[in-house]
Amino acid sequence: MACRIEYKSSVAHDLKNLDKTVAKRVIKELEETLSCDPDCGEALIGQFKGLSKFKLHIGENRIVYSKKQSGILVLRIRNRSKAYR
């Protein structure tokens, strides 16, 4: 069963900072991967441990998302060097 994916408004800003082809690839893979298997990411650790937040690796980019009853909420899409700041 396909899972509904929602995006926080900050994700639009994150995508503008990426190259257009990279942004399209990230969104495509994100939609394909998370809609089919919302448990494919890894739980965040450290100060974010236990907050129901997860990360997914797509190339050099990290997607931080949260699981909700209605689906998935994508919080950030950042390059791996800046993702957890």
PDB file of N, CA and C in Angstrom:
ATOM      1  N   MET A   1       0.840  -1.178   0.000  1.00  0.00           N
ATOM      2  CA  MET A   1       0.000   0.000   0.000  1.00  0.00           C
ATOM      3  C   MET A   1       0.889   1.247   0.000  1.00  0.00           C
ATOM      4  N   ALA A   2       0.583   2.179  -0.856  1.00  0.00           N
ATOM      5  CA  ALA A   2       1.386   3.405  -0.983  1.00  0.00           C
ATOM      6  C   ALA A   2       1.131   4.332   0.197  1.00  0.00           C
ATOM      7  N   CYS A   3       2.187   4.927   0.665  1.00  0.00           N
ATOM      8  CA  CYS A   3       2.146   5.846   1.798  1.00  0.00           C
ATOM      9  C   CYS A   3       2.110   7.278   1.267  1.00  0.00           C
ATOM     10  N   ARG A   4       1.341   8.133   1.908  1.00  0.00           N
ATOM     11  CA  ARG A   4       1.240   9.541   1.497  1.00  0.00           C
ATOM     12  C   ARG A   4       2.480  10.303   1.972  1.00  0.00           C
ATOM     13  N   ILE A   5       3.063  11.109   1.094  1.00  0.00           N
ATOM     14  CA  ILE A   5       4.254  11.881   1.432  1.00  0.00           C
ATOM     15  C   ILE A   5       3.920  13.364   1.385  1.00  0.00           C
ATOM     16  N   GLU A   6       4.199  14.045   2.500  1.00  0.00           N
ATOM     17  CA  GLU A   6       4.003  15.493   2.594  1.00  0.00           C
ATOM     18  C   GLU A   6       5.368  16.140   2.784  1.00  0.00           C
ATOM     19  N   TYR A   7       5.466  17.420   2.407  1.00  0.00           N
ATOM     20  CA  TYR A   7       6.727  18.138   2.509  1.00  0.00           C
ATOM     21  C   TYR A   7       6.549  19.384   3.359  1.00  0.00           C
ATOM     22  N   LYS A   8       7.469  19.598   4.277  1.00  0.00           N
ATOM     23  CA  LYS A   8       7.493  20.829   5.051  1.00  0.00           C
ATOM     24  C   LYS A   8       7.902  21.965   4.114  1.00  0.00           C
ATOM     25  N   SER A   9       7.495  23.175   4.394  1.00  0.00           N
ATOM     26  CA  SER A   9       7.781  24.296   3.495  1.00  0.00           C
ATOM     27  C   SER A   9       9.281  24.548   3.317  1.00  0.00           C
ATOM     28  N   SER A  10      10.088  24.194   4.287  1.00  0.00           N
ATOM     29  CA  SER A  10      11.542  24.397   4.185  1.00  0.00           C
ATOM     30  C   SER A  10      12.179  23.511   3.117  1.00  0.00           C
ATOM     31  N   VAL A  11      11.505  22.460   2.705  1.00  0.00           N
ATOM     32  CA  VAL A  11      12.049  21.548   1.694  1.00  0.00           C
ATOM     33  C   VAL A  11      12.176  22.264   0.344  1.00  0.00           C
ATOM     34  N   ALA A  12      11.259  23.164   0.027  1.00  0.00           N
ATOM     35  CA  ALA A  12      11.344  23.923  -1.231  1.00  0.00           C
ATOM     36  C   ALA A  12      12.638  24.735  -1.278  1.00  0.00           C
ATOM     37  N   HIS A  13      12.994  25.333  -0.167  1.00  0.00           N
ATOM     38  CA  HIS A  13      14.245  26.093  -0.084  1.00  0.00           C
ATOM     39  C   HIS A  13      15.451  25.161  -0.230  1.00  0.00           C
ATOM     40  N   ASP A  14      15.379  23.997   0.395  1.00  0.00           N
ATOM     41  CA  ASP A  14      16.471  23.024   0.287  1.00  0.00           C
ATOM     42  C   ASP A  14      16.677  22.591  -1.161  1.00  0.00           C
ATOM     43  N   LEU A  15      15.578  22.375  -1.889  1.00  0.00           N
ATOM     44  CA  LEU A  15      15.674  21.933  -3.275  1.00  0.00           C
ATOM     45  C   LEU A  15      16.253  23.014  -4.181  1.00  0.00           C
ATOM     46  N   LYS A  16      15.982  24.283  -3.875  1.00  0.00           N
ATOM     47  CA  LYS A  16      16.529  25.381  -4.673  1.00  0.00           C
ATOM     48  C   LYS A  16      18.052  25.442  -4.572  1.00  0.00           C
ATOM     49  N   ASN A  17      18.599  24.949  -3.466  1.00  0.00           N
ATOM     50  CA  ASN A  17      20.050  24.948  -3.266  1.00  0.00           C
ATOM     51  C   ASN A  17      20.753  23.801  -3.981  1.00  0.00           C
ATOM     52  N   LEU A  18      19.970  22.867  -4.513  1.00  0.00           N
ATOM     53  CA  LEU A  18      20.534  21.733  -5.250  1.00  0.00           C
ATOM     54  C   LEU A  18      20.493  22.010  -6.747  1.00  0.00           C
ATOM     55  N   ASP A  19      21.364  21.353  -7.483  1.00  0.00           N
ATOM     56  CA  ASP A  19      21.320  21.394  -8.930  1.00  0.00           C
ATOM     57  C   ASP A  19      19.969  20.826  -9.391  1.00  0.00           C
ATOM     58  N   LYS A  20      19.401  21.346 -10.485  1.00  0.00           N
ATOM     59  CA  LYS A  20      18.071  20.906 -10.934  1.00  0.00           C
ATOM     60  C   LYS A  20      17.994  19.409 -11.198  1.00  0.00           C
ATOM     61  N   THR A  21      19.005  18.861 -11.854  1.00  0.00           N
ATOM     62  CA  THR A  21      18.972  17.429 -12.156  1.00  0.00           C
ATOM     63  C   THR A  21      19.079  16.599 -10.882  1.00  0.00           C
ATOM     64  N   VAL A  22      19.887  17.060  -9.941  1.00  0.00           N
ATOM     65  CA  VAL A  22      20.027  16.357  -8.656  1.00  0.00           C
ATOM     66  C   VAL A  22      18.715  16.440  -7.887  1.00  0.00           C
ATOM     67  N   ALA A  23      18.093  17.603  -7.868  1.00  0.00           N
ATOM     68  CA  ALA A  23      16.828  17.785  -7.150  1.00  0.00           C
ATOM     69  C   ALA A  23      15.742  16.868  -7.721  1.00  0.00           C
ATOM     70  N   LYS A  24      15.658  16.785  -9.044  1.00  0.00           N
ATOM     71  CA  LYS A  24      14.661  15.900  -9.674  1.00  0.00           C
ATOM     72  C   LYS A  24      14.916  14.448  -9.316  1.00  0.00           C
ATOM     73  N   ARG A  25      16.203  14.044  -9.341  1.00  0.00           N
ATOM     74  CA  ARG A  25      16.552  12.662  -9.009  1.00  0.00           C
ATOM     75  C   ARG A  25      16.215  12.343  -7.559  1.00  0.00           C
ATOM     76  N   VAL A  26      16.508  13.280  -6.662  1.00  0.00           N
ATOM     77  CA  VAL A  26      16.226  13.075  -5.240  1.00  0.00           C
ATOM     78  C   VAL A  26      14.720  12.916  -5.015  1.00  0.00           C
ATOM     79  N   ILE A  27      13.927  13.803  -5.602  1.00  0.00           N
ATOM     80  CA  ILE A  27      12.472  13.720  -5.430  1.00  0.00           C
ATOM     81  C   ILE A  27      11.921  12.424  -6.007  1.00  0.00           C
ATOM     82  N   LYS A  28      12.385  12.041  -7.183  1.00  0.00           N
ATOM     83  CA  LYS A  28      11.912  10.802  -7.809  1.00  0.00           C
ATOM     84  C   LYS A  28      12.224   9.592  -6.934  1.00  0.00           C
ATOM     85  N   GLU A  29      13.473   9.479  -6.503  1.00  0.00           N
ATOM     86  CA  GLU A  29      13.855   8.340  -5.662  1.00  0.00           C
ATOM     87  C   GLU A  29      13.146   8.378  -4.314  1.00  0.00           C
ATOM     88  N   LEU A  30      12.976   9.564  -3.777  1.00  0.00           N
ATOM     89  CA  LEU A  30      12.277   9.727  -2.505  1.00  0.00           C
ATOM     90  C   LEU A  30      10.840   9.233  -2.614  1.00  0.00           C
ATOM     91  N   GLU A  31      10.142   9.677  -3.649  1.00  0.00           N
ATOM     92  CA  GLU A  31       8.748   9.270  -3.854  1.00  0.00           C
ATOM     93  C   GLU A  31       8.640   7.759  -4.058  1.00  0.00           C
ATOM     94  N   GLU A  32       9.544   7.200  -4.849  1.00  0.00           N
ATOM     95  CA  GLU A  32       9.500   5.760  -5.120  1.00  0.00           C
ATOM     96  C   GLU A  32       9.823   4.943  -3.873  1.00  0.00           C
ATOM     97  N   THR A  33      10.834   5.354  -3.146  1.00  0.00           N
ATOM     98  CA  THR A  33      11.314   4.578  -2.005  1.00  0.00           C
ATOM     99  C   THR A  33      10.378   4.685  -0.804  1.00  0.00           C
ATOM    100  N   LEU A  34      10.105   5.911  -0.363  1.00  0.00           N
ATOM    101  CA  LEU A  34       9.319   6.093   0.854  1.00  0.00           C
ATOM    102  C   LEU A  34       7.850   5.740   0.695  1.00  0.00           C
ATOM    103  N   SER A  35       7.285   5.944  -0.484  1.00  0.00           N
ATOM    104  CA  SER A  35       5.872   5.625  -0.647  1.00  0.00           C
ATOM    105  C   SER A  35       5.628   4.122  -0.549  1.00  0.00           C
ATOM    106  N   CYS A  36       6.605   3.332  -0.972  1.00  0.00           N
ATOM    107  CA  CYS A  36       6.473   1.873  -0.900  1.00  0.00           C
ATOM    108  C   CYS A  36       6.912   1.298   0.442  1.00  0.00           C
ATOM    109  N   ASP A  37       7.965   1.888   1.026  1.00  0.00           N
ATOM    110  CA  ASP A  37       8.521   1.344   2.265  1.00  0.00           C
ATOM    111  C   ASP A  37       8.967   2.474   3.200  1.00  0.00           C
ATOM    112  N   PRO A  38       8.057   2.995   4.034  1.00  0.00           N
ATOM    113  CA  PRO A  38       8.421   4.097   4.924  1.00  0.00           C
ATOM    114  C   PRO A  38       9.424   3.699   6.016  1.00  0.00           C
ATOM    115  N   ASP A  39       9.679   2.413   6.181  1.00  0.00           N
ATOM    116  CA  ASP A  39      10.621   1.938   7.192  1.00  0.00           C
ATOM    117  C   ASP A  39      12.022   1.727   6.633  1.00  0.00           C
ATOM    118  N   CYS A  40      12.283   2.201   5.415  1.00  0.00           N
ATOM    119  CA  CYS A  40      13.584   1.935   4.787  1.00  0.00           C
ATOM    120  C   CYS A  40      14.700   2.807   5.352  1.00  0.00           C
ATOM    121  N   GLY A  41      14.387   3.916   5.983  1.00  0.00           N
ATOM    122  CA  GLY A  41      15.404   4.812   6.534  1.00  0.00           C
ATOM    123  C   GLY A  41      15.928   4.333   7.875  1.00  0.00           C
ATOM    124  N   GLU A  42      16.941   5.040   8.369  1.00  0.00           N
ATOM    125  CA  GLU A  42      17.536   4.726   9.667  1.00  0.00           C
ATOM    126  C   GLU A  42      17.073   5.756  10.691  1.00  0.00           C
ATOM    127  N   ALA A  43      16.872   5.327  11.921  1.00  0.00           N
ATOM    128  CA  ALA A  43      16.492   6.250  12.993  1.00  0.00           C
ATOM    129  C   ALA A  43      17.663   7.175  13.305  1.00  0.00           C
ATOM    130  N   LEU A  44      17.352   8.428  13.588  1.00  0.00           N
ATOM    131  CA  LEU A  44      18.397   9.384  13.959  1.00  0.00           C
ATOM    132  C   LEU A  44      18.908   9.057  15.361  1.00  0.00           C
ATOM    133  N   ILE A  45      20.161   9.389  15.601  1.00  0.00           N
ATOM    134  CA  ILE A  45      20.767   9.130  16.903  1.00  0.00           C
ATOM    135  C   ILE A  45      21.222  10.443  17.519  1.00  0.00           C
ATOM    136  N   GLY A  46      21.837  10.365  18.652  1.00  0.00           N
ATOM    137  CA  GLY A  46      22.330  11.571  19.314  1.00  0.00           C
ATOM    138  C   GLY A  46      21.195  12.367  19.924  1.00  0.00           C
ATOM    139  N   GLN A  47      21.214  13.679  19.753  1.00  0.00           N
ATOM    140  CA  GLN A  47      20.196  14.544  20.355  1.00  0.00           C
ATOM    141  C   GLN A  47      18.807  14.314  19.764  1.00  0.00           C
ATOM    142  N   PHE A  48      18.725  13.643  18.605  1.00  0.00           N
ATOM    143  CA  PHE A  48      17.437  13.393  17.952  1.00  0.00           C
ATOM    144  C   PHE A  48      16.874  12.004  18.261  1.00  0.00           C
ATOM    145  N   LYS A  49      17.594  11.202  19.036  1.00  0.00           N
ATOM    146  CA  LYS A  49      17.196   9.833  19.335  1.00  0.00           C
ATOM    147  C   LYS A  49      15.831   9.802  20.014  1.00  0.00           C
ATOM    148  N   GLY A  50      14.972   8.913  19.541  1.00  0.00           N
ATOM    149  CA  GLY A  50      13.662   8.715  20.139  1.00  0.00           C
ATOM    150  C   GLY A  50      12.601   9.713  19.706  1.00  0.00           C
ATOM    151  N   LEU A  51      12.882  10.564  18.742  1.00  0.00           N
ATOM    152  CA  LEU A  51      11.917  11.581  18.309  1.00  0.00           C
ATOM    153  C   LEU A  51      11.113  11.159  17.079  1.00  0.00           C
ATOM    154  N   SER A  52      11.170   9.903  16.703  1.00  0.00           N
ATOM    155  CA  SER A  52      10.468   9.411  15.517  1.00  0.00           C
ATOM    156  C   SER A  52      10.922  10.118  14.252  1.00  0.00           C
ATOM    157  N   LYS A  53      12.195  10.433  14.186  1.00  0.00           N
ATOM    158  CA  LYS A  53      12.754  11.055  13.002  1.00  0.00           C
ATOM    159  C   LYS A  53      13.765  10.090  12.387  1.00  0.00           C
ATOM    160  N   PHE A  54      13.785  10.075  11.067  1.00  0.00           N
ATOM    161  CA  PHE A  54      14.595   9.110  10.343  1.00  0.00           C
ATOM    162  C   PHE A  54      15.376   9.804   9.241  1.00  0.00           C
ATOM    163  N   LYS A  55      16.408   9.121   8.741  1.00  0.00           N
ATOM    164  CA  LYS A  55      17.198   9.657   7.636  1.00  0.00           C
ATOM    165  C   LYS A  55      17.242   8.629   6.518  1.00  0.00           C
ATOM    166  N   LEU A  56      17.345   9.157   5.317  1.00  0.00           N
ATOM    167  CA  LEU A  56      17.452   8.320   4.129  1.00  0.00           C
ATOM    168  C   LEU A  56      18.568   8.903   3.277  1.00  0.00           C
ATOM    169  N   HIS A  57      19.443   8.058   2.768  1.00  0.00           N
ATOM    170  CA  HIS A  57      20.570   8.493   1.943  1.00  0.00           C
ATOM    171  C   HIS A  57      20.188   8.345   0.476  1.00  0.00           C
ATOM    172  N   ILE A  58      20.315   9.420  -0.274  1.00  0.00           N
ATOM    173  CA  ILE A  58      20.162   9.374  -1.729  1.00  0.00           C
ATOM    174  C   ILE A  58      21.365  10.107  -2.304  1.00  0.00           C
ATOM    175  N   GLY A  59      22.328   9.362  -2.766  1.00  0.00           N
ATOM    176  CA  GLY A  59      23.565   9.952  -3.272  1.00  0.00           C
ATOM    177  C   GLY A  59      24.290  10.696  -2.161  1.00  0.00           C
ATOM    178  N   GLU A  60      24.673  11.931  -2.424  1.00  0.00           N
ATOM    179  CA  GLU A  60      25.366  12.772  -1.451  1.00  0.00           C
ATOM    180  C   GLU A  60      24.381  13.521  -0.543  1.00  0.00           C
ATOM    181  N   ASN A  61      23.101  13.266  -0.697  1.00  0.00           N
ATOM    182  CA  ASN A  61      22.079  14.005   0.041  1.00  0.00           C
ATOM    183  C   ASN A  61      21.429  13.147   1.115  1.00  0.00           C
ATOM    184  N   ARG A  62      20.987  13.834   2.156  1.00  0.00           N
ATOM    185  CA  ARG A  62      20.306  13.179   3.267  1.00  0.00           C
ATOM    186  C   ARG A  62      18.906  13.756   3.382  1.00  0.00           C
ATOM    187  N   ILE A  63      17.944  12.868   3.497  1.00  0.00           N
ATOM    188  CA  ILE A  63      16.563  13.271   3.675  1.00  0.00           C
ATOM    189  C   ILE A  63      16.200  12.950   5.108  1.00  0.00           C
ATOM    190  N   VAL A  64      15.766  13.954   5.842  1.00  0.00           N
ATOM    191  CA  VAL A  64      15.326  13.762   7.224  1.00  0.00           C
ATOM    192  C   VAL A  64      13.809  13.817   7.194  1.00  0.00           C
ATOM    193  N   TYR A  65      13.176  12.784   7.731  1.00  0.00           N
ATOM    194  CA  TYR A  65      11.717  12.717   7.699  1.00  0.00           C
ATOM    195  C   TYR A  65      11.166  12.158   8.992  1.00  0.00           C
ATOM    196  N   SER A  66       9.874  12.339   9.152  1.00  0.00           N
ATOM    197  CA  SER A  66       9.175  11.859  10.330  1.00  0.00           C
ATOM    198  C   SER A  66       7.983  11.027   9.878  1.00  0.00           C
ATOM    199  N   LYS A  67       7.709   9.969  10.610  1.00  0.00           N
ATOM    200  CA  LYS A  67       6.537   9.141  10.310  1.00  0.00           C
ATOM    201  C   LYS A  67       5.342   9.680  11.082  1.00  0.00           C
ATOM    202  N   LYS A  68       4.224   9.775  10.395  1.00  0.00           N
ATOM    203  CA  LYS A  68       2.972  10.196  11.014  1.00  0.00           C
ATOM    204  C   LYS A  68       1.920   9.152  10.694  1.00  0.00           C
ATOM    205  N   GLN A  69       0.798   9.213  11.377  1.00  0.00           N
ATOM    206  CA  GLN A  69      -0.264   8.259  11.085  1.00  0.00           C
ATOM    207  C   GLN A  69      -0.797   8.434   9.667  1.00  0.00           C
ATOM    208  N   SER A  70      -0.790   9.667   9.180  1.00  0.00           N
ATOM    209  CA  SER A  70      -1.317   9.929   7.839  1.00  0.00           C
ATOM    210  C   SER A  70      -0.292   9.669   6.746  1.00  0.00           C
ATOM    211  N   GLY A  71       0.960   9.408   7.106  1.00  0.00           N
ATOM    212  CA  GLY A  71       1.996   9.142   6.112  1.00  0.00           C
ATOM    213  C   GLY A  71       3.369   9.601   6.565  1.00  0.00           C
ATOM    214  N   ILE A  72       4.090  10.227   5.657  1.00  0.00           N
ATOM    215  CA  ILE A  72       5.460  10.680   5.896  1.00  0.00           C
ATOM    216  C   ILE A  72       5.518  12.192   5.746  1.00  0.00           C
ATOM    217  N   LEU A  73       6.247  12.851   6.648  1.00  0.00           N
ATOM    218  CA  LEU A  73       6.497  14.282   6.545  1.00  0.00           C
ATOM    219  C   LEU A  73       7.992  14.479   6.325  1.00  0.00           C
ATOM    220  N   VAL A  74       8.368  14.972   5.144  1.00  0.00           N
ATOM    221  CA  VAL A  74       9.773  15.237   4.821  1.00  0.00           C
ATOM    222  C   VAL A  74      10.134  16.581   5.427  1.00  0.00           C
ATOM    223  N   LEU A  75      11.167  16.589   6.289  1.00  0.00           N
ATOM    224  CA  LEU A  75      11.554  17.788   7.012  1.00  0.00           C
ATOM    225  C   LEU A  75      12.680  18.552   6.338  1.00  0.00           C
ATOM    226  N   ARG A  76      13.691  17.863   5.852  1.00  0.00           N
ATOM    227  CA  ARG A  76      14.853  18.517   5.244  1.00  0.00           C
ATOM    228  C   ARG A  76      15.418  17.638   4.142  1.00  0.00           C
ATOM    229  N   ILE A  77      16.005  18.284   3.136  1.00  0.00           N
ATOM    230  CA  ILE A  77      16.806  17.615   2.116  1.00  0.00           C
ATOM    231  C   ILE A  77      18.078  18.439   2.018  1.00  0.00           C
ATOM    232  N   ARG A  78      19.172  17.867   2.469  1.00  0.00           N
ATOM    233  CA  ARG A  78      20.432  18.616   2.524  1.00  0.00           C
ATOM    234  C   ARG A  78      21.574  17.743   2.041  1.00  0.00           C
ATOM    235  N   ASN A  79      22.667  18.396   1.644  1.00  0.00           N
ATOM    236  CA  ASN A  79      23.894  17.695   1.339  1.00  0.00           C
ATOM    237  C   ASN A  79      24.406  17.075   2.628  1.00  0.00           C
ATOM    238  N   ARG A  80      25.058  15.957   2.534  1.00  0.00           N
ATOM    239  CA  ARG A  80      25.468  15.228   3.743  1.00  0.00           C
ATOM    240  C   ARG A  80      26.376  16.049   4.646  1.00  0.00           C
ATOM    241  N   SER A  81      27.141  16.984   4.097  1.00  0.00           N
ATOM    242  CA  SER A  81      28.045  17.787   4.920  1.00  0.00           C
ATOM    243  C   SER A  81      27.301  18.816   5.778  1.00  0.00           C
ATOM    244  N   LYS A  82      26.055  19.129   5.406  1.00  0.00           N
ATOM    245  CA  LYS A  82      25.294  20.156   6.129  1.00  0.00           C
ATOM    246  C   LYS A  82      24.016  19.617   6.761  1.00  0.00           C
ATOM    247  N   ALA A  83      23.742  18.358   6.596  1.00  0.00           N
ATOM    248  CA  ALA A  83      22.435  17.811   6.961  1.00  0.00           C
ATOM    249  C   ALA A  83      22.090  17.877   8.441  1.00  0.00           C
ATOM    250  N   TYR A  84      23.052  17.734   9.313  1.00  0.00           N
ATOM    251  CA  TYR A  84      22.731  17.594  10.726  1.00  0.00           C
ATOM    252  C   TYR A  84      23.134  18.803  11.548  1.00  0.00           C
ATOM    253  N   ARG A  85      23.333  19.942  10.926  1.00  0.00           N
ATOM    254  CA  ARG A  85      23.694  21.166  11.651  1.00  0.00           C
ATOM    255  C   ARG A  85      22.470  21.910  12.081  1.00  0.00           C
TER     256      ARG A  85
END
